[in-house]
């Protein structure tokens, strides 16, 4: 069981790193377009704020899901298993 959770954790971490790299590429590509940024400087700020808010929301949701998966679910399963064993006696 631990090995499966460890593998899933590593996979989540790898995908998070890939997502950060892709997000960085998008942010850099937005910053590289000087013509658009010179004409509409507010566009860069708005895009960066939107990307930051979206990234924080996704990170928060994934953190809550990860904590639930790592700590809460095993505890509930163990508690449920213990209760069923106790009622059988």
PDB file of N, CA and C in Angstrom:
ATOM      1  N   UNK A   1       0.822  -1.195   0.000  1.00  0.00           N
ATOM      2  CA  UNK A   1       0.000   0.000   0.000  1.00  0.00           C
ATOM      3  C   UNK A   1       0.867   1.261   0.000  1.00  0.00           C
ATOM      4  N   UNK A   2       1.940   1.230   0.834  1.00  0.00           N
ATOM      5  CA  UNK A   2       2.828   2.385   0.889  1.00  0.00           C
ATOM      6  C   UNK A   2       3.509   2.618  -0.448  1.00  0.00           C
ATOM      7  N   UNK A   3       3.908   1.523  -1.104  1.00  0.00           N
ATOM      8  CA  UNK A   3       4.608   1.642  -2.391  1.00  0.00           C
ATOM      9  C   UNK A   3       3.705   2.283  -3.436  1.00  0.00           C
ATOM     10  N   UNK A   4       2.433   1.909  -3.451  1.00  0.00           N
ATOM     11  CA  UNK A   4       1.492   2.506  -4.405  1.00  0.00           C
ATOM     12  C   UNK A   4       1.327   3.995  -4.137  1.00  0.00           C
ATOM     13  N   UNK A   5       1.190   4.372  -2.870  1.00  0.00           N
ATOM     14  CA  UNK A   5       1.039   5.780  -2.527  1.00  0.00           C
ATOM     15  C   UNK A   5       2.299   6.565  -2.855  1.00  0.00           C
ATOM     16  N   UNK A   6       3.451   5.958  -2.633  1.00  0.00           N
ATOM     17  CA  UNK A   6       4.708   6.617  -2.958  1.00  0.00           C
ATOM     18  C   UNK A   6       4.826   6.845  -4.458  1.00  0.00           C
ATOM     19  N   UNK A   7       4.466   5.844  -5.249  1.00  0.00           N
ATOM     20  CA  UNK A   7       4.528   5.984  -6.707  1.00  0.00           C
ATOM     21  C   UNK A   7       3.575   7.074  -7.169  1.00  0.00           C
ATOM     22  N   UNK A   8       2.358   7.092  -6.630  1.00  0.00           N
ATOM     23  CA  UNK A   8       1.398   8.130  -7.006  1.00  0.00           C
ATOM     24  C   UNK A   8       1.904   9.509  -6.612  1.00  0.00           C
ATOM     25  N   UNK A   9       2.535   9.609  -5.453  1.00  0.00           N
ATOM     26  CA  UNK A   9       3.081  10.889  -5.006  1.00  0.00           C
ATOM     27  C   UNK A   9       4.168  11.372  -5.953  1.00  0.00           C
ATOM     28  N   UNK A  10       5.051  10.472  -6.367  1.00  0.00           N
ATOM     29  CA  UNK A  10       6.115  10.839  -7.295  1.00  0.00           C
ATOM     30  C   UNK A  10       5.525  11.268  -8.638  1.00  0.00           C
ATOM     31  N   UNK A  11       4.504  10.563  -9.094  1.00  0.00           N
ATOM     32  CA  UNK A  11       3.860  10.918 -10.366  1.00  0.00           C
ATOM     33  C   UNK A  11       3.213  12.299 -10.262  1.00  0.00           C
ATOM     34  N   UNK A  12       2.518  12.573  -9.146  1.00  0.00           N
ATOM     35  CA  UNK A  12       1.929  13.904  -8.952  1.00  0.00           C
ATOM     36  C   UNK A  12       3.009  14.976  -8.955  1.00  0.00           C
ATOM     37  N   UNK A  13       4.134  14.693  -8.298  1.00  0.00           N
ATOM     38  CA  UNK A  13       5.220  15.654  -8.251  1.00  0.00           C
ATOM     39  C   UNK A  13       5.781  15.920  -9.645  1.00  0.00           C
ATOM     40  N   UNK A  14       5.955  14.862 -10.428  1.00  0.00           N
ATOM     41  CA  UNK A  14       6.485  15.026 -11.794  1.00  0.00           C
ATOM     42  C   UNK A  14       5.528  15.863 -12.640  1.00  0.00           C
ATOM     43  N   UNK A  15       4.222  15.584 -12.527  1.00  0.00           N
ATOM     44  CA  UNK A  15       3.265  16.367 -13.292  1.00  0.00           C
ATOM     45  C   UNK A  15       3.211  17.812 -12.818  1.00  0.00           C
ATOM     46  N   UNK A  16       3.410  18.042 -11.526  1.00  0.00           N
ATOM     47  CA  UNK A  16       3.446  19.405 -11.015  1.00  0.00           C
ATOM     48  C   UNK A  16       4.640  20.162 -11.580  1.00  0.00           C
ATOM     49  N   UNK A  17       5.780  19.485 -11.654  1.00  0.00           N
ATOM     50  CA  UNK A  17       6.968  20.122 -12.228  1.00  0.00           C
ATOM     51  C   UNK A  17       6.755  20.415 -13.707  1.00  0.00           C
ATOM     52  N   UNK A  18       6.156  19.480 -14.423  1.00  0.00           N
ATOM     53  CA  UNK A  18       5.862  19.704 -15.841  1.00  0.00           C
ATOM     54  C   UNK A  18       4.904  20.883 -16.001  1.00  0.00           C
ATOM     55  N   UNK A  19       3.895  20.955 -15.145  1.00  0.00           N
ATOM     56  CA  UNK A  19       2.960  22.072 -15.193  1.00  0.00           C
ATOM     57  C   UNK A  19       3.636  23.395 -14.910  1.00  0.00           C
ATOM     58  N   UNK A  20       4.540  23.410 -13.943  1.00  0.00           N
ATOM     59  CA  UNK A  20       5.281  24.638 -13.652  1.00  0.00           C
ATOM     60  C   UNK A  20       6.162  25.047 -14.829  1.00  0.00           C
ATOM     61  N   UNK A  21       6.790  24.072 -15.464  1.00  0.00           N
ATOM     62  CA  UNK A  21       7.617  24.390 -16.629  1.00  0.00           C
ATOM     63  C   UNK A  21       6.768  24.959 -17.767  1.00  0.00           C
ATOM     64  N   UNK A  22       5.616  24.334 -18.025  1.00  0.00           N
ATOM     65  CA  UNK A  22       4.742  24.843 -19.085  1.00  0.00           C
ATOM     66  C   UNK A  22       4.211  26.229 -18.737  1.00  0.00           C
ATOM     67  N   UNK A  23       3.866  26.425 -17.467  1.00  0.00           N
ATOM     68  CA  UNK A  23       3.411  27.747 -17.031  1.00  0.00           C
ATOM     69  C   UNK A  23       4.499  28.789 -17.189  1.00  0.00           C
ATOM     70  N   UNK A  24       5.732  28.410 -16.884  1.00  0.00           N
ATOM     71  CA  UNK A  24       6.854  29.336 -17.055  1.00  0.00           C
ATOM     72  C   UNK A  24       7.054  29.682 -18.526  1.00  0.00           C
ATOM     73  N   UNK A  25       6.927  28.684 -19.382  1.00  0.00           N
ATOM     74  CA  UNK A  25       7.074  28.931 -20.818  1.00  0.00           C
ATOM     75  C   UNK A  25       5.999  29.898 -21.300  1.00  0.00           C
ATOM     76  N   UNK A  26       4.769  29.698 -20.832  1.00  0.00           N
ATOM     77  CA  UNK A  26       3.683  30.599 -21.221  1.00  0.00           C
ATOM     78  C   UNK A  26       3.948  32.009 -20.713  1.00  0.00           C
ATOM     79  N   UNK A  27       4.376  32.130 -19.453  1.00  0.00           N
ATOM     80  CA  UNK A  27       4.652  33.449 -18.890  1.00  0.00           C
ATOM     81  C   UNK A  27       5.794  34.134 -19.627  1.00  0.00           C
ATOM     82  N   UNK A  28       6.826  33.385 -19.958  1.00  0.00           N
ATOM     83  CA  UNK A  28       7.962  33.960 -20.683  1.00  0.00           C
ATOM     84  C   UNK A  28       7.539  34.374 -22.085  1.00  0.00           C
ATOM     85  N   UNK A  29       6.733  33.535 -22.731  1.00  0.00           N
ATOM     86  CA  UNK A  29       6.302  33.882 -24.089  1.00  0.00           C
ATOM     87  C   UNK A  29       5.418  35.127 -24.071  1.00  0.00           C
ATOM     88  N   UNK A  30       4.637  35.310 -23.006  1.00  0.00           N
ATOM     89  CA  UNK A  30       3.836  36.528 -22.898  1.00  0.00           C
ATOM     90  C   UNK A  30       4.721  37.750 -22.665  1.00  0.00           C
ATOM     91  N   UNK A  31       5.803  37.559 -21.933  1.00  0.00           N
ATOM     92  CA  UNK A  31       6.702  38.675 -21.650  1.00  0.00           C
ATOM     93  C   UNK A  31       7.596  39.005 -22.838  1.00  0.00           C
ATOM     94  N   UNK A  32       7.722  38.084 -23.781  1.00  0.00           N
ATOM     95  CA  UNK A  32       8.625  38.294 -24.916  1.00  0.00           C
ATOM     96  C   UNK A  32       7.962  39.119 -26.016  1.00  0.00           C
ATOM     97  N   UNK A  33       6.682  39.249 -25.988  1.00  0.00           N
ATOM     98  CA  UNK A  33       5.982  39.983 -27.049  1.00  0.00           C
ATOM     99  C   UNK A  33       6.019  41.474 -26.713  1.00  0.00           C
ATOM    100  N   UNK A  34       7.091  42.165 -27.103  1.00  0.00           N
ATOM    101  CA  UNK A  34       7.245  43.565 -26.687  1.00  0.00           C
ATOM    102  C   UNK A  34       6.265  44.518 -27.364  1.00  0.00           C
ATOM    103  N   UNK A  35       5.858  44.203 -28.566  1.00  0.00           N
ATOM    104  CA  UNK A  35       4.948  45.109 -29.275  1.00  0.00           C
ATOM    105  C   UNK A  35       3.612  45.194 -28.537  1.00  0.00           C
ATOM    106  N   UNK A  36       3.060  44.046 -28.200  1.00  0.00           N
ATOM    107  CA  UNK A  36       1.788  44.025 -27.494  1.00  0.00           C
ATOM    108  C   UNK A  36       1.911  44.671 -26.121  1.00  0.00           C
ATOM    109  N   UNK A  37       3.021  44.415 -25.461  1.00  0.00           N
ATOM    110  CA  UNK A  37       3.216  44.964 -24.129  1.00  0.00           C
ATOM    111  C   UNK A  37       3.463  46.468 -24.167  1.00  0.00           C
ATOM    112  N   UNK A  38       4.088  46.952 -25.231  1.00  0.00           N
ATOM    113  CA  UNK A  38       4.308  48.397 -25.345  1.00  0.00           C
ATOM    114  C   UNK A  38       3.019  49.132 -25.675  1.00  0.00           C
ATOM    115  N   UNK A  39       2.179  48.510 -26.505  1.00  0.00           N
ATOM    116  CA  UNK A  39       0.924  49.149 -26.880  1.00  0.00           C
ATOM    117  C   UNK A  39      -0.078  49.074 -25.742  1.00  0.00           C
ATOM    118  N   UNK A  40      -0.205  47.895 -25.133  1.00  0.00           N
ATOM    119  CA  UNK A  40      -1.153  47.684 -24.038  1.00  0.00           C
ATOM    120  C   UNK A  40      -0.410  47.125 -22.821  1.00  0.00           C
ATOM    121  N   UNK A  41       0.241  47.973 -22.032  1.00  0.00           N
ATOM    122  CA  UNK A  41       1.007  47.449 -20.891  1.00  0.00           C
ATOM    123  C   UNK A  41       0.122  46.814 -19.818  1.00  0.00           C
ATOM    124  N   UNK A  42      -1.135  47.190 -19.762  1.00  0.00           N
ATOM    125  CA  UNK A  42      -2.025  46.626 -18.754  1.00  0.00           C
ATOM    126  C   UNK A  42      -2.340  45.161 -19.056  1.00  0.00           C
ATOM    127  N   UNK A  43      -2.213  44.763 -20.326  1.00  0.00           N
ATOM    128  CA  UNK A  43      -2.502  43.378 -20.714  1.00  0.00           C
ATOM    129  C   UNK A  43      -1.570  42.414 -19.983  1.00  0.00           C
ATOM    130  N   UNK A  44      -0.298  42.763 -19.914  1.00  0.00           N
ATOM    131  CA  UNK A  44       0.665  41.885 -19.248  1.00  0.00           C
ATOM    132  C   UNK A  44       0.322  41.722 -17.773  1.00  0.00           C
ATOM    133  N   UNK A  45      -0.046  42.803 -17.135  1.00  0.00           N
ATOM    134  CA  UNK A  45      -0.385  42.746 -15.712  1.00  0.00           C
ATOM    135  C   UNK A  45      -1.646  41.920 -15.501  1.00  0.00           C
ATOM    136  N   UNK A  46      -2.653  42.128 -16.319  1.00  0.00           N
ATOM    137  CA  UNK A  46      -3.909  41.391 -16.179  1.00  0.00           C
ATOM    138  C   UNK A  46      -3.678  39.899 -16.400  1.00  0.00           C
ATOM    139  N   UNK A  47      -2.918  39.548 -17.415  1.00  0.00           N
ATOM    140  CA  UNK A  47      -2.650  38.141 -17.703  1.00  0.00           C
ATOM    141  C   UNK A  47      -1.869  37.502 -16.563  1.00  0.00           C
ATOM    142  N   UNK A  48      -0.872  38.195 -16.034  1.00  0.00           N
ATOM    143  CA  UNK A  48      -0.086  37.641 -14.933  1.00  0.00           C
ATOM    144  C   UNK A  48      -0.936  37.463 -13.681  1.00  0.00           C
ATOM    145  N   UNK A  49      -1.821  38.409 -13.410  1.00  0.00           N
ATOM    146  CA  UNK A  49      -2.701  38.289 -12.235  1.00  0.00           C
ATOM    147  C   UNK A  49      -3.651  37.108 -12.409  1.00  0.00           C
ATOM    148  N   UNK A  50      -4.227  36.973 -13.581  1.00  0.00           N
ATOM    149  CA  UNK A  50      -5.156  35.862 -13.835  1.00  0.00           C
ATOM    150  C   UNK A  50      -4.435  34.526 -13.722  1.00  0.00           C
ATOM    151  N   UNK A  51      -3.245  34.422 -14.314  1.00  0.00           N
ATOM    152  CA  UNK A  51      -2.477  33.181 -14.224  1.00  0.00           C
ATOM    153  C   UNK A  51      -2.100  32.858 -12.782  1.00  0.00           C
ATOM    154  N   UNK A  52      -1.750  33.883 -12.016  1.00  0.00           N
ATOM    155  CA  UNK A  52      -1.393  33.664 -10.614  1.00  0.00           C
ATOM    156  C   UNK A  52      -2.584  33.173  -9.807  1.00  0.00           C
ATOM    157  N   UNK A  53      -3.746  33.785 -10.003  1.00  0.00           N
ATOM    158  CA  UNK A  53      -4.949  33.369  -9.273  1.00  0.00           C
ATOM    159  C   UNK A  53      -5.338  31.940  -9.637  1.00  0.00           C
ATOM    160  N   UNK A  54      -5.307  31.630 -10.923  1.00  0.00           N
ATOM    161  CA  UNK A  54      -5.644  30.271 -11.361  1.00  0.00           C
ATOM    162  C   UNK A  54      -4.657  29.259 -10.792  1.00  0.00           C
ATOM    163  N   UNK A  55      -3.371  29.594 -10.826  1.00  0.00           N
ATOM    164  CA  UNK A  55      -2.358  28.677 -10.291  1.00  0.00           C
ATOM    165  C   UNK A  55      -2.558  28.457  -8.799  1.00  0.00           C
ATOM    166  N   UNK A  56      -2.872  29.516  -8.047  1.00  0.00           N
ATOM    167  CA  UNK A  56      -3.097  29.363  -6.616  1.00  0.00           C
ATOM    168  C   UNK A  56      -4.341  28.538  -6.315  1.00  0.00           C
ATOM    169  N   UNK A  57      -5.395  28.724  -7.096  1.00  0.00           N
ATOM    170  CA  UNK A  57      -6.605  27.926  -6.898  1.00  0.00           C
ATOM    171  C   UNK A  57      -6.348  26.446  -7.174  1.00  0.00           C
ATOM    172  N   UNK A  58      -5.654  26.163  -8.259  1.00  0.00           N
ATOM    173  CA  UNK A  58      -5.345  24.776  -8.598  1.00  0.00           C
ATOM    174  C   UNK A  58      -4.425  24.170  -7.544  1.00  0.00           C
ATOM    175  N   UNK A  59      -3.414  24.921  -7.124  1.00  0.00           N
ATOM    176  CA  UNK A  59      -2.494  24.426  -6.106  1.00  0.00           C
ATOM    177  C   UNK A  59      -3.217  24.158  -4.787  1.00  0.00           C
ATOM    178  N   UNK A  60      -4.117  25.037  -4.409  1.00  0.00           N
ATOM    179  CA  UNK A  60      -4.890  24.827  -3.190  1.00  0.00           C
ATOM    180  C   UNK A  60      -5.769  23.596  -3.269  1.00  0.00           C
ATOM    181  N   UNK A  61      -6.449  23.423  -4.395  1.00  0.00           N
ATOM    182  CA  UNK A  61      -7.316  22.251  -4.563  1.00  0.00           C
ATOM    183  C   UNK A  61      -6.507  20.963  -4.546  1.00  0.00           C
ATOM    184  N   UNK A  62      -5.364  20.969  -5.214  1.00  0.00           N
ATOM    185  CA  UNK A  62      -4.521  19.773  -5.233  1.00  0.00           C
ATOM    186  C   UNK A  62      -3.928  19.482  -3.854  1.00  0.00           C
ATOM    187  N   UNK A  63      -3.598  20.520  -3.111  1.00  0.00           N
ATOM    188  CA  UNK A  63      -3.069  20.320  -1.766  1.00  0.00           C
ATOM    189  C   UNK A  63      -4.108  19.687  -0.858  1.00  0.00           C
ATOM    190  N   UNK A  64      -5.341  20.190  -0.916  1.00  0.00           N
ATOM    191  CA  UNK A  64      -6.424  19.625  -0.109  1.00  0.00           C
ATOM    192  C   UNK A  64      -6.686  18.175  -0.509  1.00  0.00           C
ATOM    193  N   UNK A  65      -6.719  17.919  -1.810  1.00  0.00           N
ATOM    194  CA  UNK A  65      -6.946  16.555  -2.284  1.00  0.00           C
ATOM    195  C   UNK A  65      -5.810  15.624  -1.849  1.00  0.00           C
ATOM    196  N   UNK A  66      -4.583  16.106  -1.917  1.00  0.00           N
ATOM    197  CA  UNK A  66      -3.433  15.301  -1.533  1.00  0.00           C
ATOM    198  C   UNK A  66      -3.456  14.980  -0.042  1.00  0.00           C
ATOM    199  N   UNK A  67      -3.747  15.970   0.796  1.00  0.00           N
ATOM    200  CA  UNK A  67      -3.815  15.730   2.239  1.00  0.00           C
ATOM    201  C   UNK A  67      -4.933  14.750   2.559  1.00  0.00           C
ATOM    202  N   UNK A  68      -6.063  14.899   1.899  1.00  0.00           N
ATOM    203  CA  UNK A  68      -7.177  13.969   2.098  1.00  0.00           C
ATOM    204  C   UNK A  68      -6.761  12.554   1.716  1.00  0.00           C
ATOM    205  N   UNK A  69      -6.096  12.419   0.588  1.00  0.00           N
ATOM    206  CA  UNK A  69      -5.682  11.106   0.088  1.00  0.00           C
ATOM    207  C   UNK A  69      -4.590  10.503   0.968  1.00  0.00           C
ATOM    208  N   UNK A  70      -3.660  11.327   1.450  1.00  0.00           N
ATOM    209  CA  UNK A  70      -2.505  10.821   2.180  1.00  0.00           C
ATOM    210  C   UNK A  70      -2.817  10.532   3.642  1.00  0.00           C
ATOM    211  N   UNK A  71      -3.649  11.349   4.276  1.00  0.00           N
ATOM    212  CA  UNK A  71      -3.852  11.230   5.714  1.00  0.00           C
ATOM    213  C   UNK A  71      -5.267  10.794   6.072  1.00  0.00           C
ATOM    214  N   UNK A  72      -6.265  11.464   5.541  1.00  0.00           N
ATOM    215  CA  UNK A  72      -7.639  11.258   5.996  1.00  0.00           C
ATOM    216  C   UNK A  72      -8.188   9.908   5.555  1.00  0.00           C
ATOM    217  N   UNK A  73      -8.046   9.566   4.283  1.00  0.00           N
ATOM    218  CA  UNK A  73      -8.600   8.300   3.798  1.00  0.00           C
ATOM    219  C   UNK A  73      -8.005   7.075   4.498  1.00  0.00           C
ATOM    220  N   UNK A  74      -6.678   6.988   4.657  1.00  0.00           N
ATOM    221  CA  UNK A  74      -6.151   5.822   5.388  1.00  0.00           C
ATOM    222  C   UNK A  74      -6.657   5.767   6.830  1.00  0.00           C
ATOM    223  N   UNK A  75      -6.790   6.923   7.474  1.00  0.00           N
ATOM    224  CA  UNK A  75      -7.293   6.946   8.846  1.00  0.00           C
ATOM    225  C   UNK A  75      -8.730   6.444   8.896  1.00  0.00           C
ATOM    226  N   UNK A  76      -9.557   6.909   7.980  1.00  0.00           N
ATOM    227  CA  UNK A  76     -10.952   6.463   7.952  1.00  0.00           C
ATOM    228  C   UNK A  76     -11.050   4.970   7.648  1.00  0.00           C
ATOM    229  N   UNK A  77     -10.233   4.498   6.706  1.00  0.00           N
ATOM    230  CA  UNK A  77     -10.247   3.062   6.382  1.00  0.00           C
ATOM    231  C   UNK A  77      -9.813   2.227   7.587  1.00  0.00           C
ATOM    232  N   UNK A  78      -8.785   2.692   8.276  1.00  0.00           N
ATOM    233  CA  UNK A  78      -8.322   1.968   9.456  1.00  0.00           C
ATOM    234  C   UNK A  78      -9.392   1.979  10.548  1.00  0.00           C
ATOM    235  N   UNK A  79     -10.026   3.122  10.732  1.00  0.00           N
ATOM    236  CA  UNK A  79     -11.069   3.229  11.748  1.00  0.00           C
ATOM    237  C   UNK A  79     -12.258   2.332  11.385  1.00  0.00           C
ATOM    238  N   UNK A  80     -12.642   2.338  10.118  1.00  0.00           N
ATOM    239  CA  UNK A  80     -13.752   1.502   9.665  1.00  0.00           C
ATOM    240  C   UNK A  80     -13.421   0.024   9.847  1.00  0.00           C
ATOM    241  N   UNK A  81     -12.185  -0.347   9.504  1.00  0.00           N
ATOM    242  CA  UNK A  81     -11.763  -1.736   9.642  1.00  0.00           C
ATOM    243  C   UNK A  81     -11.767  -2.145  11.110  1.00  0.00           C
ATOM    244  N   UNK A  82     -11.321  -1.267  11.989  1.00  0.00           N
ATOM    245  CA  UNK A  82     -11.288  -1.554  13.415  1.00  0.00           C
ATOM    246  C   UNK A  82     -12.694  -1.695  13.993  1.00  0.00           C
ATOM    247  N   UNK A  83     -13.627  -0.852  13.495  1.00  0.00           N
ATOM    248  CA  UNK A  83     -15.002  -0.917  13.985  1.00  0.00           C
ATOM    249  C   UNK A  83     -15.677  -2.205  13.542  1.00  0.00           C
ATOM    250  N   UNK A  84     -15.430  -2.643  12.316  1.00  0.00           N
ATOM    251  CA  UNK A  84     -16.045  -3.881  11.840  1.00  0.00           C
ATOM    252  C   UNK A  84     -15.478  -5.089  12.565  1.00  0.00           C
ATOM    253  N   UNK A  85     -14.179  -5.049  12.902  1.00  0.00           N
ATOM    254  CA  UNK A  85     -13.594  -6.151  13.660  1.00  0.00           C
ATOM    255  C   UNK A  85     -14.157  -6.184  15.075  1.00  0.00           C
ATOM    256  N   UNK A  86     -14.387  -5.043  15.680  1.00  0.00           N
ATOM    257  CA  UNK A  86     -14.902  -4.983  17.033  1.00  0.00           C
ATOM    258  C   UNK A  86     -16.342  -5.470  17.131  1.00  0.00           C
ATOM    259  N   UNK A  87     -17.148  -5.204  16.092  1.00  0.00           N
ATOM    260  CA  UNK A  87     -18.537  -5.622  16.127  1.00  0.00           C
ATOM    261  C   UNK A  87     -18.706  -7.126  15.850  1.00  0.00           C
ATOM    262  N   UNK A  88     -17.696  -7.741  15.243  1.00  0.00           N
ATOM    263  CA  UNK A  88     -17.775  -9.169  14.936  1.00  0.00           C
ATOM    264  C   UNK A  88     -17.571 -10.020  16.173  1.00  0.00           C
ATOM    265  N   UNK A  89     -16.929  -9.440  17.179  1.00  0.00           N
ATOM    266  CA  UNK A  89     -16.640 -10.231  18.399  1.00  0.00           C
ATOM    267  C   UNK A  89     -17.832 -10.431  19.265  1.00  0.00           C
TER     268      UNK A  89
END
